[in-house]
Every structure is written in structure tokens, then in C-alpha cells.
């Protein structure tokens, strides 16, 4: 069953790639892509498009951009329904039934979205996903920087504060230097450059809250050991390290498991010693 599911998923992904190439060929923005798109266009029209038209409707299959989006929604829905049906006793026990039910419900949903009269529903569903993607892409670099500064701050809180000041100044410069240009591209709508201003504000906020955040993180690590104080937590971690050595000598764990768990405990111990 897993091989069949992978095969169907591979066909869906291939359809997405083919539709993207056909769309790029129609746009004619790149000679290489246009050439490749021209080659696969006949394959798409003779093989993929008729099947797609039967499954999700001719209107959606003929629109490469909409077809691409609907295929991704279909894959997403199948994944979600698969997890849901796995918990249903009379469905989850049979993988074939589970796949048929998940795929059928997802396909019915996608076909409904692909019909010409339901474009409003299509846009309604698409907009939150676009917003989520934009938000995550904007926040991802900041989240990486946050954990980097927190890690640096374990050995040098002063350096962490300097890094937060640097970030706030940098984002402020980006905002004031690009706000007009990006705002003009936005066409009078919400100016995406405001994200820089928000990042500068949160950098200043983390600068003043750095100590509080660090104390809270330390409290969480102490609570994970089941103790209430830092000294008790470090003592508990040392006991666990000694127990790992005994488990290794008794053959209760393998050398690889010993190295893995020892590293985790030592990292936690070093963290509690530094913070």
C-alpha cells in the first residue's frame, strides 16, 4: 500500500511540475524554460490534462496556475485525512480503505473548489495559506537570529545585548531606506516594509527582556529535571550521567545510545552552569 501511495503522490508531483513548465512556456520569460515547456506541453495536453480534467474539472485542468494550486491542496488534504482516518477503528485498520477514503474526500473537496462558480471559496482558502507562508518567511530569519543570540548569551550576556542593539539599528535602517520604494511597489496597499519596523521594535523589546527570557528558559530546564533549584538540577544530571555509565557496563544500553544520551545530559549541565 505504501508503494501505491508513493506512486500516486509521484504522479501528482509530476503533474505539478508539468503544469508549471507549461505555464512558464506560455509566459515565455525564459528561453530554456520555454523550450522545455514546449517539449512537455504536448505530453501534458495528451496525458495529464485529460485525466486532470476528469478528476478536478476541465476548467481547473486547463488553467496551469490553478491546477498547480489545487494539486498542492489535494496532497495536503490527503495527508490530513490520512491522519484522521487512521484513528477511526473500522477504517484505520485497513490501509487500502484508509487511502481510498482519504483520497476520495480530498478529491471531492478539490473538485468543488475547481468549479467555475466557486472561485470565491477558492480565493478564501488560498488567502490564509498565502498569509501564513509570507508570515513564516518573514519571521524565519528573525527566529534563527533569536536562538543564535540566546545561545551566545549563555556565555556572554553583554554580547547578546550588543547583538540585539545591532539588529534593531539594522532593521531601522532597512525600514527608512526602503519604505518608499517598497511602498510604491505595493501600490497603495499595506506596505510590506513595515515588517522591518516591527523587527526593529521586537529587537529592542528582546534587548530589555533578555534577562527575563533567560531566567525563564533556565527555569524550564530545571523543571525538566524534576527539581526546584539550580544546584539540585545539576546534581540530578550528574546522577543520570553516572547511571548511564553503569547501564553501559551492564549492557542495558549500547555504546551509541550511551554517547547520544550522555551528550544531551552534558549539554543541559553546561547550560545550567553558564546561565
Protein backbone atom coordinates (compact mmCIF):
# COMPACT_ATOMS: atom_id res chain seq x y z
CA UNK A 1 0.00 0.00 0.00
CA UNK A 2 2.81 2.38 0.79
CA UNK A 3 4.32 1.84 -2.66
CA UNK A 4 0.96 2.57 -4.28
CA UNK A 5 0.55 5.74 -2.24
CA UNK A 6 4.05 6.86 -3.20
CA UNK A 7 3.30 6.12 -6.85
CA UNK A 8 0.14 8.22 -6.78
CA UNK A 9 1.95 11.01 -4.94
CA UNK A 10 4.72 10.85 -7.55
CA UNK A 11 2.15 11.21 -10.33
CA UNK A 12 0.63 14.19 -8.59
CA UNK A 13 4.00 15.87 -8.14
CA UNK A 14 4.87 15.14 -11.77
CA UNK A 15 1.62 16.77 -12.80
CA UNK A 16 2.54 19.84 -10.77
CA UNK A 17 5.95 20.06 -12.47
CA UNK A 18 4.46 19.59 -15.92
CA UNK A 19 1.81 22.23 -15.32
CA UNK A 20 4.45 24.67 -14.05
CA UNK A 21 6.57 24.16 -17.16
CA UNK A 22 3.58 24.63 -19.44
CA UNK A 23 2.66 27.82 -17.61
CA UNK A 24 6.24 29.08 -17.89
CA UNK A 25 6.30 28.24 -21.58
CA UNK A 26 3.13 30.25 -22.14
CA UNK A 27 4.64 33.18 -20.27
CA UNK A 28 7.77 33.00 -22.45
CA UNK A 29 10.00 34.62 -19.84
CA UNK A 30 12.97 32.27 -20.19
CA UNK A 31 14.30 30.61 -23.34
CA UNK A 32 15.41 27.41 -21.59
CA UNK A 33 12.19 27.05 -19.65
CA UNK A 34 10.21 27.90 -22.78
CA UNK A 35 11.99 25.17 -24.73
CA UNK A 36 11.45 22.57 -22.03
CA UNK A 37 7.87 23.71 -21.61
CA UNK A 38 7.28 23.37 -25.33
CA UNK A 39 8.51 19.77 -25.24
CA UNK A 40 6.33 18.72 -22.31
CA UNK A 41 3.28 20.72 -23.39
CA UNK A 42 2.16 18.00 -25.80
CA UNK A 43 2.70 15.37 -23.08
CA UNK A 44 0.67 17.44 -20.67
CA UNK A 45 -2.18 18.02 -23.10
CA UNK A 46 -2.36 14.41 -24.27
CA UNK A 47 -1.77 12.62 -20.96
CA UNK A 48 -2.05 14.69 -17.81
CA UNK A 49 -4.69 17.25 -18.77
CA UNK A 50 -7.41 14.75 -19.83
CA UNK A 51 -7.02 12.81 -16.57
CA UNK A 52 -6.89 16.04 -14.55
CA UNK A 53 -9.97 17.33 -16.36
CA UNK A 54 -11.85 14.16 -15.44
CA UNK A 55 -10.79 14.33 -11.79
CA UNK A 56 -10.90 18.04 -10.92
CA UNK A 57 -12.77 19.56 -13.87
CA UNK A 58 -11.74 20.81 -17.29
CA UNK A 59 -11.65 24.46 -16.21
CA UNK A 60 -9.05 23.82 -13.49
CA UNK A 61 -7.03 21.41 -15.64
CA UNK A 62 -6.81 23.98 -18.43
CA UNK A 63 -5.51 26.67 -16.08
CA UNK A 64 -1.94 25.66 -15.17
CA UNK A 65 -1.68 28.07 -12.24
CA UNK A 66 -4.97 26.95 -10.70
CA UNK A 67 -4.18 23.31 -11.44
CA UNK A 68 -0.84 23.65 -9.65
CA UNK A 69 -2.54 25.12 -6.57
CA UNK A 70 -5.32 22.53 -6.50
CA UNK A 71 -2.83 19.65 -6.72
CA UNK A 72 -0.96 21.01 -3.70
CA UNK A 73 -4.25 21.40 -1.82
CA UNK A 74 -5.14 17.81 -2.77
CA UNK A 75 -1.84 16.47 -1.41
CA UNK A 76 -2.32 18.49 1.78
CA UNK A 77 -5.89 17.26 2.29
CA UNK A 78 -4.95 13.62 1.66
CA UNK A 79 -2.23 13.92 4.33
CA UNK A 80 -4.64 15.45 6.85
CA UNK A 81 -7.47 12.99 6.15
CA UNK A 82 -4.99 10.10 6.32
CA UNK A 83 -4.03 11.06 9.87
CA UNK A 84 -7.71 11.49 10.82
CA UNK A 85 -8.92 8.19 9.34
CA UNK A 86 -6.03 6.34 10.97
CA UNK A 87 -7.78 6.92 14.30
CA UNK A 88 -11.12 5.51 13.07
CA UNK A 89 -11.23 1.78 14.09
CA UNK A 90 -13.07 0.38 11.06
CA UNK A 91 -11.01 2.46 8.59
CA UNK A 92 -7.55 2.80 10.10
CA UNK A 93 -7.10 -0.97 10.36
CA UNK A 94 -7.09 -1.32 6.57
CA UNK A 95 -4.58 0.87 4.74
CA UNK A 96 -6.32 0.45 1.38
CA UNK A 97 -9.66 1.60 2.78
CA UNK A 98 -7.88 4.40 4.61
CA UNK A 99 -6.28 5.66 1.40
CA UNK A 100 -9.46 5.36 -0.67
CA UNK A 101 -11.50 7.30 1.91
CA UNK A 102 -8.81 9.97 2.38
CA UNK A 103 -8.21 10.42 -1.33
CA UNK A 104 -11.92 10.42 -2.22
CA UNK A 105 -12.86 13.08 0.35
CA UNK A 106 -9.90 15.23 -0.66
CA UNK A 107 -10.69 14.85 -4.36
CA UNK A 108 -14.34 15.80 -3.84
CA UNK A 109 -13.23 18.89 -1.94
CA UNK A 110 -10.73 19.90 -4.61
CA UNK A 111 -13.22 19.32 -7.44
CA UNK A 112 -15.71 21.56 -5.65
CA UNK A 113 -13.08 24.30 -5.36
CA UNK A 114 -12.15 23.92 -9.01
CA UNK A 115 -15.63 24.57 -10.36
CA UNK A 116 -16.11 27.91 -12.09
CA UNK A 117 -18.84 29.12 -9.74
CA UNK A 118 -16.78 28.51 -6.60
CA UNK A 119 -13.85 30.84 -7.28
CA UNK A 120 -14.74 32.86 -4.18
CA UNK A 121 -14.29 29.77 -1.99
CA UNK A 122 -11.01 29.03 -3.77
CA UNK A 123 -9.68 32.51 -3.02
CA UNK A 124 -10.98 32.35 0.56
CA UNK A 125 -8.99 29.19 1.24
CA UNK A 126 -5.94 30.36 -0.67
CA UNK A 127 -5.56 33.72 1.09
CA UNK A 128 -4.88 32.43 4.66
CA UNK A 129 -2.29 29.97 3.32
CA UNK A 130 -0.56 32.75 1.40
CA UNK A 131 -0.61 34.92 4.52
CA UNK A 132 0.83 32.08 6.60
CA UNK A 133 3.61 31.49 4.07
CA UNK A 134 4.51 35.17 3.96
CA UNK A 135 4.50 35.43 7.75
CA UNK A 136 6.72 32.38 8.18
CA UNK A 137 9.17 33.53 5.51
CA UNK A 138 9.44 36.94 7.17
CA UNK A 139 9.78 35.53 10.67
CA UNK A 140 12.12 32.63 9.90
CA UNK A 141 15.37 34.68 9.70
CA UNK A 142 14.41 36.56 12.86
CA UNK A 143 13.70 33.28 14.70
CA UNK A 144 17.11 31.90 13.70
CA UNK A 145 18.76 35.12 14.89
CA UNK A 146 16.82 34.92 18.18
CA UNK A 147 18.12 31.44 19.03
CA UNK A 148 21.62 32.43 17.92
CA UNK A 149 21.63 35.40 20.32
CA UNK A 150 20.19 33.27 23.12
CA UNK A 151 22.97 30.74 22.61
CA UNK A 152 25.64 33.46 22.58
CA UNK A 153 24.11 34.97 25.70
CA UNK A 154 24.74 31.84 27.77
CA UNK A 155 28.45 32.68 27.81
CA UNK A 156 28.28 36.47 27.32
CA UNK A 157 25.05 38.32 28.21
CA UNK A 158 26.72 41.60 27.27
CA UNK A 159 27.44 40.38 23.75
CA UNK A 160 23.82 39.29 23.45
CA UNK A 161 22.64 42.80 24.29
CA UNK A 162 25.03 44.24 21.71
CA UNK A 163 23.63 41.88 19.09
CA UNK A 164 20.06 42.97 19.87
CA UNK A 165 21.08 46.63 19.55
CA UNK A 166 22.77 45.83 16.23
CA UNK A 167 19.62 44.08 14.98
CA UNK A 168 17.33 46.95 15.96
CA UNK A 169 19.57 49.52 14.24
CA UNK A 170 19.91 47.35 11.13
CA UNK A 171 16.16 46.81 10.75
CA UNK A 172 15.52 50.51 11.35
CA UNK A 173 17.97 51.40 8.57
CA UNK A 174 16.31 48.88 6.25
CA UNK A 175 12.92 50.41 7.01
CA UNK A 176 13.84 54.05 6.40
CA UNK A 177 15.92 53.26 3.32
CA UNK A 178 13.34 51.02 1.61
CA UNK A 179 9.96 52.17 2.89
CA UNK A 180 9.22 54.46 -0.07
CA UNK A 181 10.47 52.01 -2.71
CA UNK A 182 8.60 49.01 -1.33
CA UNK A 183 5.53 51.12 -0.64
CA UNK A 184 5.43 52.22 -4.28
CA UNK A 185 5.58 48.59 -5.40
CA UNK A 186 2.72 47.74 -3.02
CA UNK A 187 0.50 50.15 -4.95
CA UNK A 188 -1.00 52.00 -2.00
CA UNK A 189 -1.89 48.85 -0.06
CA UNK A 190 -0.23 47.65 3.14
CA UNK A 191 3.45 48.48 2.96
CA UNK A 192 5.49 45.27 3.46
CA UNK A 193 8.42 47.41 4.66
CA UNK A 194 6.55 47.77 7.95
CA UNK A 195 7.85 44.28 8.73
CA UNK A 196 11.31 45.85 9.17
CA UNK A 197 9.89 48.34 11.64
CA UNK A 198 8.23 45.55 13.63
CA UNK A 199 11.51 43.59 13.65
CA UNK A 200 13.34 46.66 14.98
CA UNK A 201 10.72 47.07 17.70
CA UNK A 202 10.91 43.41 18.78
CA UNK A 203 14.72 43.58 18.78
CA UNK A 204 14.53 46.43 21.28
CA UNK A 205 11.92 44.52 23.25
CA UNK A 206 14.18 41.46 23.48
CA UNK A 207 17.07 43.72 24.46
CA UNK A 208 15.26 44.86 27.60
CA UNK A 209 13.66 41.45 28.25
CA UNK A 210 16.82 39.42 27.64
CA UNK A 211 17.43 38.68 31.31
CA UNK A 212 13.81 37.73 31.92
CA UNK A 213 13.74 35.40 28.93
CA UNK A 214 16.98 33.78 30.01
CA UNK A 215 15.74 33.22 33.57
CA UNK A 216 12.50 31.72 32.26
CA UNK A 217 14.42 29.36 29.95
CA UNK A 218 16.60 28.29 32.85
CA UNK A 219 13.54 27.67 35.00
CA UNK A 220 12.12 25.38 32.32
CA UNK A 221 15.36 23.36 32.16
CA UNK A 222 15.37 22.98 35.95
CA UNK A 223 11.74 21.82 35.98
CA UNK A 224 12.54 19.19 33.34
CA UNK A 225 14.85 17.50 35.84
CA UNK A 226 12.07 17.37 38.42
CA UNK A 227 13.93 19.66 40.82
CA UNK A 228 13.26 23.17 42.12
CA UNK A 229 16.72 24.74 42.33
CA UNK A 230 19.70 25.03 40.01
CA UNK A 231 22.05 23.11 42.32
CA UNK A 232 19.57 20.24 42.71
CA UNK A 233 19.06 20.12 38.94
CA UNK A 234 22.81 19.91 38.25
CA UNK A 235 23.19 17.19 40.89
CA UNK A 236 20.36 15.22 39.27
CA UNK A 237 22.00 15.49 35.86
CA UNK A 238 25.32 14.21 37.27
CA UNK A 239 23.48 11.26 38.81
CA UNK A 240 21.91 10.46 35.45
CA UNK A 241 25.34 10.61 33.80
CA UNK A 242 26.71 8.13 36.33
CA UNK A 243 23.69 5.90 35.77
CA UNK A 244 24.36 5.92 32.02
CA UNK A 245 27.89 4.68 32.67
CA UNK A 246 26.52 1.85 34.80
CA UNK A 247 23.90 0.99 32.19
CA UNK A 248 26.64 0.78 29.56
CA UNK A 249 28.80 -1.52 31.67
CA UNK A 250 25.77 -3.74 32.43
CA UNK A 251 24.85 -3.95 28.75
CA UNK A 252 21.50 -2.23 29.29
CA UNK A 253 22.28 0.31 26.56
CA UNK A 254 24.51 0.26 23.51
CA UNK A 255 27.61 2.46 23.08
CA UNK A 256 25.75 4.59 20.51
CA UNK A 257 22.87 5.14 22.93
CA UNK A 258 25.36 5.97 25.67
CA UNK A 259 27.05 8.62 23.53
CA UNK A 260 23.72 10.13 22.45
CA UNK A 261 22.20 10.39 25.92
CA UNK A 262 25.48 11.47 27.52
CA UNK A 263 25.80 14.35 25.07
CA UNK A 264 22.26 15.53 25.80
CA UNK A 265 22.78 15.46 29.56
CA UNK A 266 26.16 17.19 29.35
CA UNK A 267 24.70 19.94 27.15
CA UNK A 268 21.97 20.54 29.72
CA UNK A 269 24.51 20.51 32.54
CA UNK A 270 26.74 23.03 30.76
CA UNK A 271 23.73 25.24 30.09
CA UNK A 272 22.75 25.31 33.78
CA UNK A 273 26.36 26.04 34.76
CA UNK A 274 26.65 29.01 32.36
CA UNK A 275 23.31 30.72 32.70
